[in-house]
């Protein structure tokens, strides 16, 4: 009985010793794994920083940043035109200053995609020379949104379908508008013409015509002859600005005038030989007298 008890206690002691040894080995192994993992993570964090290019400026997506006095060699540069909506960076040259064999530039940079971008790739030379030899100018564009954002899909262009009564209503409105315009242009213009003919003031030719018709027929009275002479003298005095010239000097000048002589000479012929008006164009004789209203004539 005593021997069996001793054997059991020895077995328990051995099992306890083995268990403690395994625990110690497991703890050492776990501690070594943790140290190795931490060292690996530190190396991963330091490696990109070593390879990451040095940015001259940092900006947020969609917000412009101005970078001043950037020295670049060669002929003058300007911003590359944006030809696609997928452009990551847009560069605009605000000002340039000659400096040795190159220029210093004030640049405005707007980034549209997070990351480190080379501004030299967004510049071209004004003289169309190659710009591939430009040194890199890095700018870092950051985003305030968390990573992993889903971009919306590009919608294909479509032609909207017009439904309902809108199209018919617009066609009817356009038709009514066209009818109104035609009415204004034609009916309104005809009414204006009728009104203008009714309200037109008589001209000197209108008042002379009945007197000349009676003179051509030989039925002109002495008073009408005197009235006709006064009208002709008053008309040509005003038209030729001869108000101060006496009648004795005015008549000889009018007989030599290309417009006044026609009616004056014809009137003298009617007075001496009435009824000699065959083939006479009275309309043409009165043409110069249509240029003045009767109310504008100042009769003596």
Protein backbone atom coordinates (compact mmCIF):
# COMPACT_ATOMS: atom_id res chain seq x y z
CA UNK A 1 0.00 0.00 0.00
CA UNK A 2 2.85 2.32 0.89
CA UNK A 3 4.73 1.53 -2.33
CA UNK A 4 1.65 2.22 -4.49
CA UNK A 5 1.18 5.64 -2.90
CA UNK A 6 4.78 6.58 -3.49
CA UNK A 7 4.55 5.56 -7.13
CA UNK A 8 1.46 7.74 -7.64
CA UNK A 9 3.12 10.78 -6.09
CA UNK A 10 6.20 10.31 -8.34
CA UNK A 11 3.94 10.22 -11.41
CA UNK A 12 2.23 13.42 -10.40
CA UNK A 13 5.55 15.16 -9.84
CA UNK A 14 6.81 14.14 -13.27
CA UNK A 15 3.59 15.29 -14.96
CA UNK A 16 3.77 18.63 -13.17
CA UNK A 17 7.38 19.13 -14.23
CA UNK A 18 6.62 18.34 -17.86
CA UNK A 19 3.63 20.72 -17.83
CA UNK A 20 5.69 23.62 -16.47
CA UNK A 21 8.40 23.01 -19.08
CA UNK A 22 5.92 23.08 -21.91
CA UNK A 23 4.36 26.27 -20.62
CA UNK A 24 7.74 27.96 -20.40
CA UNK A 25 8.69 26.88 -23.94
CA UNK A 26 5.32 28.04 -25.28
CA UNK A 27 5.67 31.45 -23.62
CA UNK A 28 9.19 31.91 -24.98
CA UNK A 29 8.05 30.94 -28.49
CA UNK A 30 5.05 33.34 -28.33
CA UNK A 31 7.22 36.18 -27.03
CA UNK A 32 9.73 35.66 -29.86
CA UNK A 33 6.93 35.65 -32.45
CA UNK A 34 5.58 38.94 -31.12
CA UNK A 35 9.00 40.60 -31.27
CA UNK A 36 9.57 39.34 -34.83
CA UNK A 37 6.13 40.55 -35.97
CA UNK A 38 6.68 43.99 -34.48
CA UNK A 39 10.04 44.26 -36.20
CA UNK A 40 8.44 43.23 -39.50
CA UNK A 41 5.73 45.87 -39.18
CA UNK A 42 8.30 48.54 -38.38
CA UNK A 43 10.30 47.58 -41.46
CA UNK A 44 7.14 47.72 -43.62
CA UNK A 45 6.33 51.22 -42.37
CA UNK A 46 9.86 52.48 -42.96
CA UNK A 47 10.29 51.00 -46.43
CA UNK A 48 7.64 53.12 -48.27
CA UNK A 49 8.86 56.23 -46.51
CA UNK A 50 12.34 55.56 -47.84
CA UNK A 51 11.06 54.99 -51.38
CA UNK A 52 8.37 57.72 -51.30
CA UNK A 53 9.42 60.84 -53.28
CA UNK A 54 9.70 64.10 -51.42
CA UNK A 55 6.66 66.29 -52.16
CA UNK A 56 7.08 70.08 -52.45
CA UNK A 57 3.47 70.65 -51.34
CA UNK A 58 0.43 68.85 -50.00
CA UNK A 59 -3.18 69.52 -50.90
CA UNK A 60 -6.61 68.00 -50.43
CA UNK A 61 -8.60 66.54 -53.30
CA UNK A 62 -10.48 69.27 -55.15
CA UNK A 63 -8.76 72.19 -53.38
CA UNK A 64 -6.12 74.17 -55.30
CA UNK A 65 -2.71 74.88 -53.80
CA UNK A 66 -0.20 77.49 -55.03
CA UNK A 67 3.45 76.50 -55.30
CA UNK A 68 5.81 79.44 -55.83
CA UNK A 69 9.28 79.79 -57.34
CA UNK A 70 9.60 76.32 -58.88
CA UNK A 71 12.80 76.33 -60.99
CA UNK A 72 12.63 74.32 -64.20
CA UNK A 73 15.19 74.34 -67.04
CA UNK A 74 14.59 75.03 -70.73
CA UNK A 75 12.14 77.22 -72.61
CA UNK A 76 8.98 78.61 -71.05
CA UNK A 77 6.29 76.16 -69.93
CA UNK A 78 2.54 76.29 -69.64
CA UNK A 79 -0.16 74.01 -68.27
CA UNK A 80 -1.15 71.03 -70.38
CA UNK A 81 -4.74 71.31 -71.67
CA UNK A 82 -7.19 69.01 -69.93
CA UNK A 83 -8.41 66.55 -72.57
CA UNK A 84 -10.11 64.01 -70.32
CA UNK A 85 -12.33 64.00 -67.26
CA UNK A 86 -10.03 61.32 -65.84
CA UNK A 87 -7.17 63.79 -65.26
CA UNK A 88 -5.57 63.23 -61.85
CA UNK A 89 -3.94 66.67 -61.57
CA UNK A 90 -4.53 70.01 -63.33
CA UNK A 91 -1.65 72.52 -63.34
CA UNK A 92 -2.03 76.21 -64.20
CA UNK A 93 0.94 78.59 -64.57
CA UNK A 94 0.14 81.77 -62.64
CA UNK A 95 3.40 83.59 -63.43
CA UNK A 96 6.86 82.91 -64.82
CA UNK A 97 10.24 84.61 -64.37
CA UNK A 98 13.35 84.12 -66.50
CA UNK A 99 16.21 82.59 -64.50
CA UNK A 100 19.44 81.65 -66.27
CA UNK A 101 18.73 78.96 -68.86
CA UNK A 102 15.29 78.28 -67.42
CA UNK A 103 12.35 79.88 -65.63
CA UNK A 104 10.92 80.13 -62.15
CA UNK A 105 7.20 79.44 -61.99
CA UNK A 106 4.30 80.13 -59.68
CA UNK A 107 2.00 77.14 -60.15
CA UNK A 108 -1.57 76.47 -59.11
CA UNK A 109 -2.21 72.76 -58.64
CA UNK A 110 -5.60 71.07 -58.23
CA UNK A 111 -5.63 67.35 -57.55
CA UNK A 112 -8.55 65.05 -58.22
CA UNK A 113 -7.13 61.72 -57.07
CA UNK A 114 -5.21 60.92 -53.86
CA UNK A 115 -1.54 60.02 -54.19
CA UNK A 116 1.83 61.51 -55.08
CA UNK A 117 1.84 63.07 -58.56
CA UNK A 118 4.59 64.48 -60.77
CA UNK A 119 3.64 68.00 -61.89
CA UNK A 120 6.18 67.94 -64.73
CA UNK A 121 3.94 65.49 -66.56
CA UNK A 122 1.19 68.16 -66.63
CA UNK A 123 3.37 70.84 -68.25
CA UNK A 124 4.22 71.49 -71.90
CA UNK A 125 6.52 74.00 -73.57
CA UNK A 126 5.08 77.02 -75.34
CA UNK A 127 7.40 76.52 -78.32
CA UNK A 128 6.14 72.91 -78.71
CA UNK A 129 9.58 71.49 -77.84
CA UNK A 130 9.83 68.22 -75.93
CA UNK A 131 9.41 68.43 -72.16
CA UNK A 132 10.32 64.86 -71.28
CA UNK A 133 13.66 65.95 -69.76
CA UNK A 134 12.03 68.00 -66.99
CA UNK A 135 13.00 67.04 -63.44
CA UNK A 136 10.13 65.66 -61.36
CA UNK A 137 8.18 68.02 -59.13
CA UNK A 138 6.14 65.98 -56.69
CA UNK A 139 2.96 67.03 -54.94
CA UNK A 140 0.95 64.91 -52.55
CA UNK A 141 -2.83 64.89 -52.83
CA UNK A 142 -4.69 63.63 -49.78
CA UNK A 143 -8.32 62.75 -49.27
CA UNK A 144 -10.54 63.42 -46.28
CA UNK A 145 -12.68 60.41 -47.11
CA UNK A 146 -11.77 56.99 -45.76
CA UNK A 147 -10.17 54.51 -48.14
CA UNK A 148 -12.26 52.08 -50.11
CA UNK A 149 -14.88 54.50 -51.41
CA UNK A 150 -16.91 53.15 -54.32
CA UNK A 151 -16.91 55.42 -57.38
CA UNK A 152 -20.24 55.91 -59.17
CA UNK A 153 -20.67 54.31 -62.57
CA UNK A 154 -20.48 56.51 -65.68
CA UNK A 155 -23.98 56.80 -67.08
CA UNK A 156 -24.31 56.37 -70.85
CA UNK A 157 -25.83 59.32 -72.75
CA UNK A 158 -29.50 58.82 -73.51
CA UNK A 159 -32.16 60.78 -75.37
CA UNK A 160 -34.98 61.68 -72.98
CA UNK A 161 -38.42 60.49 -73.98
CA UNK A 162 -41.01 63.25 -73.94
CA UNK A 163 -44.37 61.97 -72.81
CA UNK A 164 -47.69 63.59 -71.97
CA UNK A 165 -49.21 66.74 -73.36
CA UNK A 166 -46.14 68.97 -73.06
CA UNK A 167 -45.01 68.55 -76.70
CA UNK A 168 -48.46 69.23 -78.11
CA UNK A 169 -48.86 72.25 -75.84
CA UNK A 170 -45.57 73.72 -77.02
CA UNK A 171 -46.48 73.14 -80.69
CA UNK A 172 -49.83 74.86 -80.19
CA UNK A 173 -48.19 77.79 -78.39
CA UNK A 174 -45.66 78.17 -81.21
CA UNK A 175 -48.46 78.14 -83.79
CA UNK A 176 -50.43 80.81 -81.94
CA UNK A 177 -47.33 82.93 -81.57
CA UNK A 178 -46.62 82.65 -85.32
CA UNK A 179 -50.19 83.66 -86.17
CA UNK A 180 -49.94 86.68 -83.89
CA UNK A 181 -46.65 87.70 -85.49
CA UNK A 182 -48.13 87.42 -88.99
CA UNK A 183 -51.13 89.49 -87.91
CA UNK A 184 -48.87 92.22 -86.55
CA UNK A 185 -46.70 92.26 -89.66
CA UNK A 186 -49.47 92.30 -92.29
CA UNK A 187 -52.76 93.44 -90.78
CA UNK A 188 -51.12 96.06 -88.58
CA UNK A 189 -48.99 97.35 -91.46
CA UNK A 190 -52.03 97.62 -93.74
CA UNK A 191 -53.93 99.53 -91.09
CA UNK A 192 -50.98 101.85 -90.62
CA UNK A 193 -50.87 102.44 -94.40
CA UNK A 194 -54.59 103.26 -94.49
CA UNK A 195 -54.25 105.63 -91.59
CA UNK A 196 -51.19 107.27 -93.08
CA UNK A 197 -53.03 107.84 -96.39
CA UNK A 198 -56.03 109.31 -94.57
CA UNK A 199 -54.00 111.55 -92.29
CA UNK A 200 -51.39 112.55 -94.89
CA UNK A 201 -50.95 116.30 -95.11
CA UNK A 202 -51.40 117.83 -98.59
CA UNK A 203 -48.27 118.85 -100.45
CA UNK A 204 -47.67 121.91 -102.61
CA UNK A 205 -48.20 119.68 -105.66
CA UNK A 206 -51.70 118.75 -104.42
CA UNK A 207 -52.70 122.43 -104.26
CA UNK A 208 -51.08 123.31 -107.58
CA UNK A 209 -52.67 120.52 -109.60
CA UNK A 210 -56.24 121.95 -109.96
CA UNK A 211 -54.83 125.40 -110.79
CA UNK A 212 -52.55 123.98 -113.47
CA UNK A 213 -55.37 121.90 -114.96
CA UNK A 214 -57.50 125.04 -115.36
CA UNK A 215 -54.50 126.95 -116.73
CA UNK A 216 -53.97 124.22 -119.35
CA UNK A 217 -57.69 124.40 -120.28
CA UNK A 218 -57.61 128.23 -120.47
CA UNK A 219 -60.19 128.69 -117.67
CA UNK A 220 -57.83 130.15 -115.04
CA UNK A 221 -59.11 133.44 -113.57
CA UNK A 222 -56.92 136.44 -112.78
CA UNK A 223 -57.13 135.81 -109.04
CA UNK A 224 -56.15 132.16 -109.52
CA UNK A 225 -53.27 133.23 -111.79
CA UNK A 226 -52.02 135.62 -109.10
CA UNK A 227 -52.39 132.86 -106.47
CA UNK A 228 -50.47 130.42 -108.69
CA UNK A 229 -47.60 132.88 -109.13
CA UNK A 230 -47.44 133.54 -105.36
CA UNK A 231 -47.28 129.82 -104.62
CA UNK A 232 -44.48 129.25 -107.14
CA UNK A 233 -42.45 132.21 -105.88
CA UNK A 234 -42.90 131.24 -102.21
CA UNK A 235 -41.96 127.62 -102.92
CA UNK A 236 -38.71 128.37 -104.76
CA UNK A 237 -37.76 131.18 -102.37
CA UNK A 238 -37.84 128.75 -99.47
CA UNK A 239 -36.31 125.79 -101.28
CA UNK A 240 -33.43 127.79 -102.81
CA UNK A 241 -33.12 130.13 -99.77
CA UNK A 242 -33.72 133.25 -101.81
CA UNK A 243 -36.12 134.96 -99.37
CA UNK A 244 -34.41 138.37 -99.65
CA UNK A 245 -34.31 138.41 -103.46
CA UNK A 246 -36.96 140.70 -105.07
CA UNK A 247 -39.34 139.16 -107.67
CA UNK A 248 -37.76 141.12 -110.54
CA UNK A 249 -34.46 139.32 -109.93
CA UNK A 250 -35.98 136.00 -108.81
CA UNK A 251 -37.90 135.20 -112.02
CA UNK A 252 -34.82 135.33 -114.32
CA UNK A 253 -32.95 132.96 -112.01
CA UNK A 254 -35.86 130.51 -111.81
CA UNK A 255 -36.10 130.41 -115.63
CA UNK A 256 -32.49 129.19 -115.67
CA UNK A 257 -32.97 126.66 -112.84
CA UNK A 258 -33.26 123.04 -114.14
CA UNK A 259 -36.19 122.13 -111.84
CA UNK A 260 -38.07 125.44 -111.62
CA UNK A 261 -37.88 126.35 -115.30
CA UNK A 262 -40.14 123.49 -116.49
CA UNK A 263 -43.38 124.61 -114.85
CA UNK A 264 -42.70 128.35 -115.13
CA UNK A 265 -42.10 128.24 -118.89
CA UNK A 266 -45.11 125.96 -119.40
CA UNK A 267 -47.30 128.28 -117.37
CA UNK A 268 -46.26 131.26 -119.56
CA UNK A 269 -47.12 129.24 -122.65
CA UNK A 270 -50.58 128.42 -121.27
CA UNK A 271 -51.25 132.06 -120.54
CA UNK A 272 -50.35 133.13 -124.06
CA UNK A 273 -51.71 130.07 -125.88
CA UNK A 274 -54.32 128.20 -123.77
CA UNK A 275 -55.25 124.69 -124.78
CA UNK A 276 -51.78 123.72 -126.02
CA UNK A 277 -51.20 120.90 -123.53
CA UNK A 278 -51.28 117.86 -125.78
CA UNK A 279 -48.62 115.31 -124.81
CA UNK A 280 -47.80 117.24 -121.63
CA UNK A 281 -46.85 115.18 -118.55
CA UNK A 282 -48.36 117.16 -115.68
CA UNK A 283 -47.25 114.51 -113.19
CA UNK A 284 -43.62 115.10 -114.09
CA UNK A 285 -43.98 118.88 -113.84
CA UNK A 286 -45.37 118.58 -110.31
CA UNK A 287 -42.69 116.13 -109.12
CA UNK A 288 -40.38 118.80 -107.48
CA UNK A 289 -43.37 120.20 -105.54
CA UNK A 290 -44.12 116.94 -103.73
CA UNK A 291 -41.15 117.44 -101.41
CA UNK A 292 -42.84 120.15 -99.29
CA UNK A 293 -46.06 120.12 -97.27
CA UNK A 294 -48.55 122.87 -98.00
CA UNK A 295 -48.56 123.92 -94.32
CA UNK A 296 -44.81 124.53 -94.47
CA UNK A 297 -45.16 127.02 -97.29
CA UNK A 298 -45.01 130.67 -96.25
CA UNK A 299 -47.18 132.66 -98.67
CA UNK A 300 -46.67 136.45 -98.87
